PDB file of N, CA and C in Angstrom:
ATOM      1  N   MET A   1     -19.142  46.286  18.653  1.00  0.00           N
ATOM      2  CA  MET A   1     -17.634  46.293  18.779  1.00  0.00           C
ATOM      3  C   MET A   1     -17.160  45.604  17.561  1.00  0.00           C
ATOM      4  N   ASP A   2     -16.038  46.302  16.938  1.00  0.00           N
ATOM      5  CA  ASP A   2     -15.448  45.829  15.663  1.00  0.00           C
ATOM      6  C   ASP A   2     -14.822  44.509  15.881  1.00  0.00           C
ATOM      7  N   GLN A   3     -14.700  43.817  14.923  1.00  0.00           N
ATOM      8  CA  GLN A   3     -13.983  42.405  14.803  1.00  0.00           C
ATOM      9  C   GLN A   3     -12.432  42.735  14.719  1.00  0.00           C
ATOM     10  N   CYS A   4     -11.826  41.729  15.206  1.00  0.00           N
ATOM     11  CA  CYS A   4     -10.320  41.726  15.167  1.00  0.00           C
ATOM     12  C   CYS A   4      -9.847  41.759  13.662  1.00  0.00           C
ATOM     13  N   SER A   5      -8.983  42.677  13.238  1.00  0.00           N
ATOM     14  CA  SER A   5      -8.581  42.771  11.912  1.00  0.00           C
ATOM     15  C   SER A   5      -7.741  41.546  11.483  1.00  0.00           C
ATOM     16  N   ASP A   6      -6.866  41.095  12.426  1.00  0.00           N
ATOM     17  CA  ASP A   6      -5.928  39.931  11.978  1.00  0.00           C
ATOM     18  C   ASP A   6      -6.281  38.695  12.688  1.00  0.00           C
ATOM     19  N   GLY A   7      -7.157  38.722  13.628  1.00  0.00           N
ATOM     20  CA  GLY A   7      -7.490  37.464  14.366  1.00  0.00           C
ATOM     21  C   GLY A   7      -6.508  36.782  15.139  1.00  0.00           C
ATOM     22  N   GLN A   8      -5.382  37.478  15.353  1.00  0.00           N
ATOM     23  CA  GLN A   8      -4.243  36.981  16.080  1.00  0.00           C
ATOM     24  C   GLN A   8      -4.193  37.328  17.553  1.00  0.00           C
ATOM     25  N   LEU A   9      -3.512  36.494  18.275  1.00  0.00           N
ATOM     26  CA  LEU A   9      -3.396  36.845  19.769  1.00  0.00           C
ATOM     27  C   LEU A   9      -1.879  37.139  19.859  1.00  0.00           C
ATOM     28  N   TYR A  10      -1.556  38.179  20.634  1.00  0.00           N
ATOM     29  CA  TYR A  10      -0.125  38.662  20.862  1.00  0.00           C
ATOM     30  C   TYR A  10       0.118  38.435  22.345  1.00  0.00           C
ATOM     31  N   THR A  11       1.314  37.975  22.641  1.00  0.00           N
ATOM     32  CA  THR A  11       1.819  37.980  24.035  1.00  0.00           C
ATOM     33  C   THR A  11       2.480  39.226  24.313  1.00  0.00           C
ATOM     34  N   ILE A  12       1.978  39.998  25.305  1.00  0.00           N
ATOM     35  CA  ILE A  12       2.638  41.252  25.667  1.00  0.00           C
ATOM     36  C   ILE A  12       3.067  41.250  27.175  1.00  0.00           C
ATOM     37  N   GLN A  13       3.805  42.329  27.492  1.00  0.00           N
ATOM     38  CA  GLN A  13       4.169  42.408  28.930  1.00  0.00           C
ATOM     39  C   GLN A  13       3.392  43.581  29.355  1.00  0.00           C
ATOM     40  N   ALA A  14       2.634  43.502  30.572  1.00  0.00           N
ATOM     41  CA  ALA A  14       1.841  44.549  31.118  1.00  0.00           C
ATOM     42  C   ALA A  14       1.978  44.696  32.608  1.00  0.00           C
ATOM     43  N   ALA A  15       1.796  45.987  33.106  1.00  0.00           N
ATOM     44  CA  ALA A  15       1.834  46.249  34.485  1.00  0.00           C
ATOM     45  C   ALA A  15       0.421  45.967  35.072  1.00  0.00           C
ATOM     46  N   ILE A  16       0.270  44.945  35.885  1.00  0.00           N
ATOM     47  CA  ILE A  16      -0.945  44.397  36.326  1.00  0.00           C
ATOM     48  C   ILE A  16      -1.148  44.736  37.823  1.00  0.00           C
ATOM     49  N   LEU A  17      -2.186  45.273  38.211  1.00  0.00           N
ATOM     50  CA  LEU A  17      -2.600  45.522  39.634  1.00  0.00           C
ATOM     51  C   LEU A  17      -3.463  44.459  40.102  1.00  0.00           C
ATOM     52  N   CYS A  18      -3.032  43.614  41.086  1.00  0.00           N
ATOM     53  CA  CYS A  18      -3.956  42.584  41.588  1.00  0.00           C
ATOM     54  C   CYS A  18      -4.464  42.819  42.984  1.00  0.00           C
ATOM     55  N   LYS A  19      -4.004  43.877  43.759  1.00  0.00           N
ATOM     56  CA  LYS A  19      -4.604  44.078  45.062  1.00  0.00           C
ATOM     57  C   LYS A  19      -4.331  45.693  45.327  1.00  0.00           C
ATOM     58  N   ARG A  20      -5.372  46.114  46.090  1.00  0.00           N
ATOM     59  CA  ARG A  20      -5.319  47.653  46.356  1.00  0.00           C
ATOM     60  C   ARG A  20      -3.984  48.020  47.015  1.00  0.00           C
ATOM     61  N   GLY A  21      -3.428  49.189  46.473  1.00  0.00           N
ATOM     62  CA  GLY A  21      -2.200  49.628  46.963  1.00  0.00           C
ATOM     63  C   GLY A  21      -0.980  49.088  46.319  1.00  0.00           C
ATOM     64  N   GLY A  22      -1.135  48.130  45.309  1.00  0.00           N
ATOM     65  CA  GLY A  22      -0.015  47.510  44.634  1.00  0.00           C
ATOM     66  C   GLY A  22       0.547  46.315  45.281  1.00  0.00           C
ATOM     67  N   PRO A  23       1.614  45.899  44.885  1.00  0.00           N
ATOM     68  CA  PRO A  23       2.552  46.515  43.838  1.00  0.00           C
ATOM     69  C   PRO A  23       1.993  46.105  42.455  1.00  0.00           C
ATOM     70  N   LEU A  24       2.510  46.869  41.428  1.00  0.00           N
ATOM     71  CA  LEU A  24       2.249  46.471  40.103  1.00  0.00           C
ATOM     72  C   LEU A  24       3.154  45.347  39.699  1.00  0.00           C
ATOM     73  N   ASN A  25       2.677  44.357  39.079  1.00  0.00           N
ATOM     74  CA  ASN A  25       3.467  43.113  38.577  1.00  0.00           C
ATOM     75  C   ASN A  25       3.577  43.245  37.042  1.00  0.00           C
ATOM     76  N   ILE A  26       4.892  43.081  36.602  1.00  0.00           N
ATOM     77  CA  ILE A  26       4.953  43.024  35.156  1.00  0.00           C
ATOM     78  C   ILE A  26       4.724  41.459  34.747  1.00  0.00           C
ATOM     79  N   GLU A  27       3.709  41.212  33.992  1.00  0.00           N
ATOM     80  CA  GLU A  27       3.396  39.804  33.601  1.00  0.00           C
ATOM     81  C   GLU A  27       3.112  39.728  32.218  1.00  0.00           C
ATOM     82  N   SER A  28       3.261  38.571  31.670  1.00  0.00           N
ATOM     83  CA  SER A  28       2.905  38.290  30.231  1.00  0.00           C
ATOM     84  C   SER A  28       1.362  38.001  30.154  1.00  0.00           C
ATOM     85  N   VAL A  29       0.684  38.664  29.217  1.00  0.00           N
ATOM     86  CA  VAL A  29      -0.673  38.517  28.923  1.00  0.00           C
ATOM     87  C   VAL A  29      -1.007  38.422  27.542  1.00  0.00           C
ATOM     88  N   GLU A  30      -2.087  37.772  27.104  1.00  0.00           N
ATOM     89  CA  GLU A  30      -2.430  37.818  25.585  1.00  0.00           C
ATOM     90  C   GLU A  30      -3.332  38.943  25.306  1.00  0.00           C
ATOM     91  N   MET A  31      -3.191  39.473  24.170  1.00  0.00           N
ATOM     92  CA  MET A  31      -3.982  40.634  23.722  1.00  0.00           C
ATOM     93  C   MET A  31      -4.297  40.341  22.308  1.00  0.00           C
ATOM     94  N   GLU A  32      -5.615  40.657  21.958  1.00  0.00           N
ATOM     95  CA  GLU A  32      -6.118  40.565  20.582  1.00  0.00           C
ATOM     96  C   GLU A  32      -5.377  41.546  19.769  1.00  0.00           C
ATOM     97  N   GLY A  33      -5.286  41.093  18.354  1.00  0.00           N
ATOM     98  CA  GLY A  33      -4.767  42.102  17.475  1.00  0.00           C
ATOM     99  C   GLY A  33      -5.703  43.290  17.333  1.00  0.00           C
ATOM    100  N   PRO A  34      -5.169  44.249  16.577  1.00  0.00           N
ATOM    101  CA  PRO A  34      -6.030  45.503  16.457  1.00  0.00           C
ATOM    102  C   PRO A  34      -7.369  45.207  15.834  1.00  0.00           C
ATOM    103  N   ARG A  35      -8.372  45.949  16.277  1.00  0.00           N
ATOM    104  CA  ARG A  35      -9.693  45.994  15.637  1.00  0.00           C
ATOM    105  C   ARG A  35      -9.619  46.818  14.317  1.00  0.00           C
ATOM    106  N   ASP A  36     -10.706  46.917  13.667  1.00  0.00           N
ATOM    107  CA  ASP A  36     -10.650  47.691  12.347  1.00  0.00           C
ATOM    108  C   ASP A  36     -10.247  49.179  12.633  1.00  0.00           C
ATOM    109  N   ASP A  37     -10.601  49.703  13.735  1.00  0.00           N
ATOM    110  CA  ASP A  37     -10.356  51.008  14.097  1.00  0.00           C
ATOM    111  C   ASP A  37      -9.264  51.369  15.128  1.00  0.00           C
ATOM    112  N   GLU A  38      -8.311  50.373  15.240  1.00  0.00           N
ATOM    113  CA  GLU A  38      -7.263  50.516  16.165  1.00  0.00           C
ATOM    114  C   GLU A  38      -5.859  50.183  15.579  1.00  0.00           C
ATOM    115  N   VAL A  39      -4.874  50.512  16.227  1.00  0.00           N
ATOM    116  CA  VAL A  39      -3.493  50.268  15.857  1.00  0.00           C
ATOM    117  C   VAL A  39      -2.779  49.369  16.950  1.00  0.00           C
ATOM    118  N   LEU A  40      -1.797  48.609  16.527  1.00  0.00           N
ATOM    119  CA  LEU A  40      -1.010  47.860  17.471  1.00  0.00           C
ATOM    120  C   LEU A  40       0.342  48.633  17.473  1.00  0.00           C
ATOM    121  N   VAL A  41       0.799  49.071  18.720  1.00  0.00           N
ATOM    122  CA  VAL A  41       2.000  49.833  18.932  1.00  0.00           C
ATOM    123  C   VAL A  41       2.937  49.115  19.768  1.00  0.00           C
ATOM    124  N   ARG A  42       4.181  48.923  19.197  1.00  0.00           N
ATOM    125  CA  ARG A  42       5.280  48.341  20.006  1.00  0.00           C
ATOM    126  C   ARG A  42       5.879  49.535  20.788  1.00  0.00           C
ATOM    127  N   LEU A  43       5.623  49.447  22.065  1.00  0.00           N
ATOM    128  CA  LEU A  43       6.042  50.450  22.968  1.00  0.00           C
ATOM    129  C   LEU A  43       7.566  50.415  23.262  1.00  0.00           C
ATOM    130  N   VAL A  44       8.116  51.630  23.196  1.00  0.00           N
ATOM    131  CA  VAL A  44       9.503  51.896  23.512  1.00  0.00           C
ATOM    132  C   VAL A  44       9.729  52.533  24.840  1.00  0.00           C
ATOM    133  N   ALA A  45       8.746  53.254  25.245  1.00  0.00           N
ATOM    134  CA  ALA A  45       8.782  53.938  26.610  1.00  0.00           C
ATOM    135  C   ALA A  45       7.344  53.954  27.082  1.00  0.00           C
ATOM    136  N   SER A  46       7.073  53.756  28.331  1.00  0.00           N
ATOM    137  CA  SER A  46       5.753  54.008  29.016  1.00  0.00           C
ATOM    138  C   SER A  46       5.930  54.323  30.381  1.00  0.00           C
ATOM    139  N   GLY A  47       4.863  54.863  30.881  1.00  0.00           N
ATOM    140  CA  GLY A  47       4.942  55.362  32.316  1.00  0.00           C
ATOM    141  C   GLY A  47       3.636  55.072  33.029  1.00  0.00           C
ATOM    142  N   ILE A  48       3.702  55.204  34.316  1.00  0.00           N
ATOM    143  CA  ILE A  48       2.480  55.106  35.180  1.00  0.00           C
ATOM    144  C   ILE A  48       2.175  56.583  35.634  1.00  0.00           C
ATOM    145  N   CYS A  49       1.201  57.217  35.462  1.00  0.00           N
ATOM    146  CA  CYS A  49       1.013  58.594  35.724  1.00  0.00           C
ATOM    147  C   CYS A  49       0.220  58.704  37.151  1.00  0.00           C
ATOM    148  N   ARG A  50       0.078  59.889  37.697  1.00  0.00           N
ATOM    149  CA  ARG A  50      -0.561  60.184  38.884  1.00  0.00           C
ATOM    150  C   ARG A  50      -1.948  59.574  38.950  1.00  0.00           C
ATOM    151  N   THR A  51      -2.725  59.608  37.823  1.00  0.00           N
ATOM    152  CA  THR A  51      -4.002  59.017  37.762  1.00  0.00           C
ATOM    153  C   THR A  51      -3.993  57.442  38.080  1.00  0.00           C
ATOM    154  N   ASP A  52      -2.921  56.851  37.479  1.00  0.00           N
ATOM    155  CA  ASP A  52      -2.752  55.466  37.723  1.00  0.00           C
ATOM    156  C   ASP A  52      -2.504  55.075  39.213  1.00  0.00           C
ATOM    157  N   ILE A  53      -1.581  56.100  39.842  1.00  0.00           N
ATOM    158  CA  ILE A  53      -1.209  55.845  41.178  1.00  0.00           C
ATOM    159  C   ILE A  53      -2.391  55.989  42.045  1.00  0.00           C
ATOM    160  N   ASP A  54      -3.259  56.967  41.863  1.00  0.00           N
ATOM    161  CA  ASP A  54      -4.500  57.149  42.640  1.00  0.00           C
ATOM    162  C   ASP A  54      -5.397  56.046  42.453  1.00  0.00           C
ATOM    163  N   PHE A  55      -5.470  55.441  41.255  1.00  0.00           N
ATOM    164  CA  PHE A  55      -6.299  54.334  40.922  1.00  0.00           C
ATOM    165  C   PHE A  55      -5.945  53.122  41.799  1.00  0.00           C
ATOM    166  N   CYS A  56      -4.615  52.887  41.915  1.00  0.00           N
ATOM    167  CA  CYS A  56      -4.035  51.894  42.720  1.00  0.00           C
ATOM    168  C   CYS A  56      -4.505  51.942  44.112  1.00  0.00           C
ATOM    169  N   ASP A  57      -4.532  53.043  44.717  1.00  0.00           N
ATOM    170  CA  ASP A  57      -4.896  53.260  46.097  1.00  0.00           C
ATOM    171  C   ASP A  57      -6.442  53.154  46.367  1.00  0.00           C
ATOM    172  N   ASN A  58      -7.253  53.375  45.287  1.00  0.00           N
ATOM    173  CA  ASN A  58      -8.667  53.499  45.500  1.00  0.00           C
ATOM    174  C   ASN A  58      -9.486  52.493  44.681  1.00  0.00           C
ATOM    175  N   TRP A  59      -8.871  51.587  44.102  1.00  0.00           N
ATOM    176  CA  TRP A  59      -9.500  50.560  43.295  1.00  0.00           C
ATOM    177  C   TRP A  59     -10.163  49.431  44.131  1.00  0.00           C
ATOM    178  N   ASP A  60     -11.263  48.878  43.675  1.00  0.00           N
ATOM    179  CA  ASP A  60     -12.046  47.938  44.231  1.00  0.00           C
ATOM    180  C   ASP A  60     -11.586  46.524  43.738  1.00  0.00           C
ATOM    181  N   GLU A  61     -10.933  45.799  44.669  1.00  0.00           N
ATOM    182  CA  GLU A  61     -10.310  44.524  44.213  1.00  0.00           C
ATOM    183  C   GLU A  61     -11.329  43.536  43.693  1.00  0.00           C
ATOM    184  N   THR A  62     -12.560  43.672  44.053  1.00  0.00           N
ATOM    185  CA  THR A  62     -13.568  42.671  43.643  1.00  0.00           C
ATOM    186  C   THR A  62     -13.855  42.881  42.199  1.00  0.00           C
ATOM    187  N   ASP A  63     -13.297  43.912  41.503  1.00  0.00           N
ATOM    188  CA  ASP A  63     -13.475  44.070  39.926  1.00  0.00           C
ATOM    189  C   ASP A  63     -12.525  43.201  39.287  1.00  0.00           C
ATOM    190  N   GLY A  64     -11.569  42.565  40.002  1.00  0.00           N
ATOM    191  CA  GLY A  64     -10.527  41.665  39.332  1.00  0.00           C
ATOM    192  C   GLY A  64      -9.250  42.579  38.948  1.00  0.00           C
ATOM    193  N   ALA A  65      -8.286  41.823  38.436  1.00  0.00           N
ATOM    194  CA  ALA A  65      -6.935  42.454  38.184  1.00  0.00           C
ATOM    195  C   ALA A  65      -7.154  43.420  37.099  1.00  0.00           C
ATOM    196  N   VAL A  66      -6.470  44.475  36.899  1.00  0.00           N
ATOM    197  CA  VAL A  66      -6.477  45.524  35.785  1.00  0.00           C
ATOM    198  C   VAL A  66      -5.118  45.792  35.391  1.00  0.00           C
ATOM    199  N   VAL A  67      -5.074  46.073  34.149  1.00  0.00           N
ATOM    200  CA  VAL A  67      -3.820  46.558  33.445  1.00  0.00           C
ATOM    201  C   VAL A  67      -3.767  48.080  33.439  1.00  0.00           C
ATOM    202  N   LEU A  68      -2.635  48.589  34.003  1.00  0.00           N
ATOM    203  CA  LEU A  68      -2.502  50.015  33.978  1.00  0.00           C
ATOM    204  C   LEU A  68      -1.579  50.596  32.994  1.00  0.00           C
ATOM    205  N   GLY A  69      -1.556  51.921  32.808  1.00  0.00           N
ATOM    206  CA  GLY A  69      -0.652  52.475  31.921  1.00  0.00           C
ATOM    207  C   GLY A  69      -1.445  53.022  30.555  1.00  0.00           C
ATOM    208  N   HIS A  70      -1.580  54.205  30.361  1.00  0.00           N
ATOM    209  CA  HIS A  70      -2.192  54.713  29.111  1.00  0.00           C
ATOM    210  C   HIS A  70      -1.328  55.658  28.359  1.00  0.00           C
ATOM    211  N   GLU A  71      -0.049  55.931  28.879  1.00  0.00           N
ATOM    212  CA  GLU A  71       0.659  56.838  28.198  1.00  0.00           C
ATOM    213  C   GLU A  71       2.073  56.104  27.700  1.00  0.00           C
ATOM    214  N   GLY A  72       2.517  56.459  26.659  1.00  0.00           N
ATOM    215  CA  GLY A  72       3.801  55.895  26.122  1.00  0.00           C
ATOM    216  C   GLY A  72       4.164  56.389  24.784  1.00  0.00           C
ATOM    217  N   ALA A  73       5.301  55.840  24.276  1.00  0.00           N
ATOM    218  CA  ALA A  73       5.779  56.175  22.966  1.00  0.00           C
ATOM    219  C   ALA A  73       6.244  55.029  22.352  1.00  0.00           C
ATOM    220  N   GLY A  74       6.065  54.878  20.969  1.00  0.00           N
ATOM    221  CA  GLY A  74       6.339  53.667  20.365  1.00  0.00           C
ATOM    222  C   GLY A  74       6.311  53.826  18.754  1.00  0.00           C
ATOM    223  N   VAL A  75       6.232  52.641  18.173  1.00  0.00           N
ATOM    224  CA  VAL A  75       6.252  52.470  16.798  1.00  0.00           C
ATOM    225  C   VAL A  75       5.083  51.637  16.381  1.00  0.00           C
ATOM    226  N   ILE A  76       4.287  52.196  15.373  1.00  0.00           N
ATOM    227  CA  ILE A  76       3.072  51.426  14.875  1.00  0.00           C
ATOM    228  C   ILE A  76       3.564  50.057  14.165  1.00  0.00           C
ATOM    229  N   GLU A  77       3.059  48.957  14.598  1.00  0.00           N
ATOM    230  CA  GLU A  77       3.435  47.690  14.089  1.00  0.00           C
ATOM    231  C   GLU A  77       2.371  47.132  13.010  1.00  0.00           C
ATOM    232  N   ARG A  78       1.008  47.358  13.371  1.00  0.00           N
ATOM    233  CA  ARG A  78      -0.128  46.992  12.442  1.00  0.00           C
ATOM    234  C   ARG A  78      -1.188  47.907  12.625  1.00  0.00           C
ATOM    235  N   ILE A  79      -2.031  48.080  11.601  1.00  0.00           N
ATOM    236  CA  ILE A  79      -3.180  48.974  11.653  1.00  0.00           C
ATOM    237  C   ILE A  79      -4.511  48.242  11.260  1.00  0.00           C
ATOM    238  N   GLY A  80      -5.575  48.607  11.864  1.00  0.00           N
ATOM    239  CA  GLY A  80      -6.810  48.111  11.422  1.00  0.00           C
ATOM    240  C   GLY A  80      -7.332  48.493  10.031  1.00  0.00           C
ATOM    241  N   LYS A  81      -8.248  47.873   9.490  1.00  0.00           N
ATOM    242  CA  LYS A  81      -8.586  48.140   8.188  1.00  0.00           C
ATOM    243  C   LYS A  81      -9.183  49.579   7.856  1.00  0.00           C
ATOM    244  N   ARG A  82      -9.808  50.195   8.941  1.00  0.00           N
ATOM    245  CA  ARG A  82     -10.353  51.585   8.781  1.00  0.00           C
ATOM    246  C   ARG A  82      -9.520  52.591   9.236  1.00  0.00           C
ATOM    247  N   VAL A  83      -8.190  52.331   9.608  1.00  0.00           N
ATOM    248  CA  VAL A  83      -7.305  53.298  10.272  1.00  0.00           C
ATOM    249  C   VAL A  83      -6.827  54.134   9.015  1.00  0.00           C
ATOM    250  N   ARG A  84      -6.723  55.481   9.143  1.00  0.00           N
ATOM    251  CA  ARG A  84      -6.155  56.324   8.164  1.00  0.00           C
ATOM    252  C   ARG A  84      -5.355  57.256   8.721  1.00  0.00           C
ATOM    253  N   GLY A  85      -4.324  57.861   8.186  1.00  0.00           N
ATOM    254  CA  GLY A  85      -3.530  58.963   8.646  1.00  0.00           C
ATOM    255  C   GLY A  85      -2.236  58.444   9.307  1.00  0.00           C
ATOM    256  N   VAL A  86      -2.178  57.205   9.639  1.00  0.00           N
ATOM    257  CA  VAL A  86      -1.008  56.653  10.203  1.00  0.00           C
ATOM    258  C   VAL A  86      -0.534  55.266   9.534  1.00  0.00           C
ATOM    259  N   LYS A  87       0.601  54.827   9.649  1.00  0.00           N
ATOM    260  CA  LYS A  87       1.036  53.507   8.888  1.00  0.00           C
ATOM    261  C   LYS A  87       2.015  52.793   9.690  1.00  0.00           C
ATOM    262  N   PRO A  88       2.167  51.495   9.469  1.00  0.00           N
ATOM    263  CA  PRO A  88       3.246  50.825  10.264  1.00  0.00           C
ATOM    264  C   PRO A  88       4.555  51.528   9.978  1.00  0.00           C
ATOM    265  N   GLY A  89       5.302  51.580  11.053  1.00  0.00           N
ATOM    266  CA  GLY A  89       6.642  52.164  11.030  1.00  0.00           C
ATOM    267  C   GLY A  89       6.502  53.726  11.673  1.00  0.00           C
ATOM    268  N   ASP A  90       5.349  54.306  11.680  1.00  0.00           N
ATOM    269  CA  ASP A  90       5.265  55.631  12.169  1.00  0.00           C
ATOM    270  C   ASP A  90       5.561  55.673  13.739  1.00  0.00           C
ATOM    271  N   HIS A  91       6.331  56.704  14.209  1.00  0.00           N
ATOM    272  CA  HIS A  91       6.611  56.826  15.588  1.00  0.00           C
ATOM    273  C   HIS A  91       5.332  57.638  16.171  1.00  0.00           C
ATOM    274  N   VAL A  92       4.935  57.329  17.300  1.00  0.00           N
ATOM    275  CA  VAL A  92       3.750  57.859  17.794  1.00  0.00           C
ATOM    276  C   VAL A  92       3.843  57.986  19.383  1.00  0.00           C
ATOM    277  N   VAL A  93       3.070  58.958  19.952  1.00  0.00           N
ATOM    278  CA  VAL A  93       3.011  59.089  21.379  1.00  0.00           C
ATOM    279  C   VAL A  93       1.539  58.737  21.679  1.00  0.00           C
ATOM    280  N   LEU A  94       1.358  58.013  22.753  1.00  0.00           N
ATOM    281  CA  LEU A  94       0.018  57.520  23.129  1.00  0.00           C
ATOM    282  C   LEU A  94      -0.413  58.197  24.448  1.00  0.00           C
ATOM    283  N   SER A  95      -1.778  58.496  24.490  1.00  0.00           N
ATOM    284  CA  SER A  95      -2.349  59.129  25.748  1.00  0.00           C
ATOM    285  C   SER A  95      -3.828  58.721  25.643  1.00  0.00           C
ATOM    286  N   TYR A  96      -4.474  58.826  26.813  1.00  0.00           N
ATOM    287  CA  TYR A  96      -5.867  58.427  26.692  1.00  0.00           C
ATOM    288  C   TYR A  96      -6.761  59.449  26.013  1.00  0.00           C
ATOM    289  N   LYS A  97      -6.428  60.656  26.090  1.00  0.00           N
ATOM    290  CA  LYS A  97      -7.212  61.669  25.360  1.00  0.00           C
ATOM    291  C   LYS A  97      -6.457  62.961  25.212  1.00  0.00           C
ATOM    292  N   PHE A  98      -6.428  63.559  24.059  1.00  0.00           N
ATOM    293  CA  PHE A  98      -5.918  64.936  23.979  1.00  0.00           C
ATOM    294  C   PHE A  98      -6.919  65.914  24.382  1.00  0.00           C
ATOM    295  N   ARG A  99      -6.589  66.949  25.075  1.00  0.00           N
ATOM    296  CA  ARG A  99      -7.534  67.994  25.426  1.00  0.00           C
ATOM    297  C   ARG A  99      -7.963  68.838  24.206  1.00  0.00           C
ATOM    298  N   ASP A 100      -6.822  69.126  23.356  1.00  0.00           N
ATOM    299  CA  ASP A 100      -7.119  69.861  22.125  1.00  0.00           C
ATOM    300  C   ASP A 100      -6.679  69.023  21.036  1.00  0.00           C
ATOM    301  N   ILE A 101      -7.428  68.149  20.496  1.00  0.00           N
ATOM    302  CA  ILE A 101      -7.066  67.261  19.436  1.00  0.00           C
ATOM    303  C   ILE A 101      -6.764  68.028  18.144  1.00  0.00           C
ATOM    304  N   ASN A 102      -7.530  69.143  17.877  1.00  0.00           N
ATOM    305  CA  ASN A 102      -7.297  70.009  16.655  1.00  0.00           C
ATOM    306  C   ASN A 102      -5.960  70.527  16.639  1.00  0.00           C
ATOM    307  N   ARG A 103      -5.392  70.990  17.789  1.00  0.00           N
ATOM    308  CA  ARG A 103      -4.034  71.576  17.943  1.00  0.00           C
ATOM    309  C   ARG A 103      -3.011  70.449  17.676  1.00  0.00           C
ATOM    310  N   ALA A 104      -3.259  69.339  18.369  1.00  0.00           N
ATOM    311  CA  ALA A 104      -2.303  68.125  18.098  1.00  0.00           C
ATOM    312  C   ALA A 104      -2.180  67.777  16.640  1.00  0.00           C
ATOM    313  N   ILE A 105      -3.327  67.678  15.912  1.00  0.00           N
ATOM    314  CA  ILE A 105      -3.232  67.448  14.519  1.00  0.00           C
ATOM    315  C   ILE A 105      -2.626  68.446  13.709  1.00  0.00           C
ATOM    316  N   ALA A 106      -2.937  69.752  14.042  1.00  0.00           N
ATOM    317  CA  ALA A 106      -2.226  70.798  13.306  1.00  0.00           C
ATOM    318  C   ALA A 106      -0.740  70.818  13.524  1.00  0.00           C
ATOM    319  N   ASP A 107      -0.281  70.560  14.728  1.00  0.00           N
ATOM    320  CA  ASP A 107       1.181  70.419  15.076  1.00  0.00           C
ATOM    321  C   ASP A 107       1.732  69.272  14.283  1.00  0.00           C
ATOM    322  N   ALA A 108       1.043  68.055  14.031  1.00  0.00           N
ATOM    323  CA  ALA A 108       1.645  66.975  13.278  1.00  0.00           C
ATOM    324  C   ALA A 108       1.652  67.448  11.823  1.00  0.00           C
ATOM    325  N   LYS A 109       0.794  68.127  11.426  1.00  0.00           N
ATOM    326  CA  LYS A 109       0.659  68.518   9.923  1.00  0.00           C
ATOM    327  C   LYS A 109       1.722  69.592   9.545  1.00  0.00           C
ATOM    328  N   ARG A 110       2.173  70.204  10.494  1.00  0.00           N
ATOM    329  CA  ARG A 110       3.140  71.330  10.385  1.00  0.00           C
ATOM    330  C   ARG A 110       4.622  70.584  10.210  1.00  0.00           C
ATOM    331  N   GLY A 111       4.667  69.308  10.482  1.00  0.00           N
ATOM    332  CA  GLY A 111       5.945  68.627  10.208  1.00  0.00           C
ATOM    333  C   GLY A 111       6.484  67.905  11.507  1.00  0.00           C
ATOM    334  N   ASP A 112       5.895  68.133  12.604  1.00  0.00           N
ATOM    335  CA  ASP A 112       6.298  67.260  13.780  1.00  0.00           C
ATOM    336  C   ASP A 112       6.343  65.820  13.412  1.00  0.00           C
ATOM    337  N   THR A 113       7.345  65.221  14.070  1.00  0.00           N
ATOM    338  CA  THR A 113       7.496  63.798  13.596  1.00  0.00           C
ATOM    339  C   THR A 113       6.613  62.831  14.405  1.00  0.00           C
ATOM    340  N   ILE A 114       6.016  63.407  15.521  1.00  0.00           N
ATOM    341  CA  ILE A 114       5.054  62.562  16.318  1.00  0.00           C
ATOM    342  C   ILE A 114       3.695  62.975  15.877  1.00  0.00           C
ATOM    343  N   LYS A 115       2.926  61.886  15.604  1.00  0.00           N
ATOM    344  CA  LYS A 115       1.526  62.000  15.185  1.00  0.00           C
ATOM    345  C   LYS A 115       0.708  61.519  16.262  1.00  0.00           C
ATOM    346  N   PRO A 116      -0.530  62.175  16.416  1.00  0.00           N
ATOM    347  CA  PRO A 116      -1.404  61.678  17.498  1.00  0.00           C
ATOM    348  C   PRO A 116      -2.115  60.318  16.986  1.00  0.00           C
ATOM    349  N   VAL A 117      -2.190  59.418  17.799  1.00  0.00           N
ATOM    350  CA  VAL A 117      -2.948  58.068  17.600  1.00  0.00           C
ATOM    351  C   VAL A 117      -4.297  58.040  18.430  1.00  0.00           C
ATOM    352  N   LEU A 118      -5.268  57.880  17.885  1.00  0.00           N
ATOM    353  CA  LEU A 118      -6.546  57.991  18.415  1.00  0.00           C
ATOM    354  C   LEU A 118      -7.291  56.564  18.481  1.00  0.00           C
ATOM    355  N   ARG A 119      -7.976  56.253  19.556  1.00  0.00           N
ATOM    356  CA  ARG A 119      -8.943  55.134  19.575  1.00  0.00           C
ATOM    357  C   ARG A 119     -10.246  55.730  19.350  1.00  0.00           C
ATOM    358  N   ILE A 120     -10.940  55.252  18.248  1.00  0.00           N
ATOM    359  CA  ILE A 120     -12.186  55.839  17.931  1.00  0.00           C
ATOM    360  C   ILE A 120     -13.234  55.066  18.851  1.00  0.00           C
ATOM    361  N   SER A 121     -13.994  55.927  19.488  1.00  0.00           N
ATOM    362  CA  SER A 121     -14.957  55.418  20.493  1.00  0.00           C
ATOM    363  C   SER A 121     -16.432  55.699  20.000  1.00  0.00           C
ATOM    364  N   LYS A 122     -17.160  54.768  20.124  1.00  0.00           N
ATOM    365  CA  LYS A 122     -18.609  54.908  19.608  1.00  0.00           C
ATOM    366  C   LYS A 122     -19.553  55.043  20.830  1.00  0.00           C
ATOM    367  N   GLU A 123     -18.948  55.196  22.070  1.00  0.00           N
ATOM    368  CA  GLU A 123     -19.749  55.510  23.183  1.00  0.00           C
ATOM    369  C   GLU A 123     -20.336  56.802  23.321  1.00  0.00           C
TER     370      GLU A 123
END
């Protein structure tokens, strides 16, 4: 796992599931700054999708509380040392995975103002 780029902790608001079936509680939590291969995005809009709703109903409470939500739109605030192709101030849309990442990148290169932001996974 990569080290934190800035070594800072940020206080954020998150939708947290504490028991099966909900409700989701909006709570303040601390989050590490971006690792070398990550970006920190100030969310302007976010949502809970059908996958999250299904997760709420089928989640095993013994796993502990969980933060939900993997889709949103916002502005990049900070980038990790190895991040290329985006910069602070860029407007981005977030999702857990693009089905066709090559198409998303091609759309961005054609001049779309929204760029894909990826979390690099070594798994």
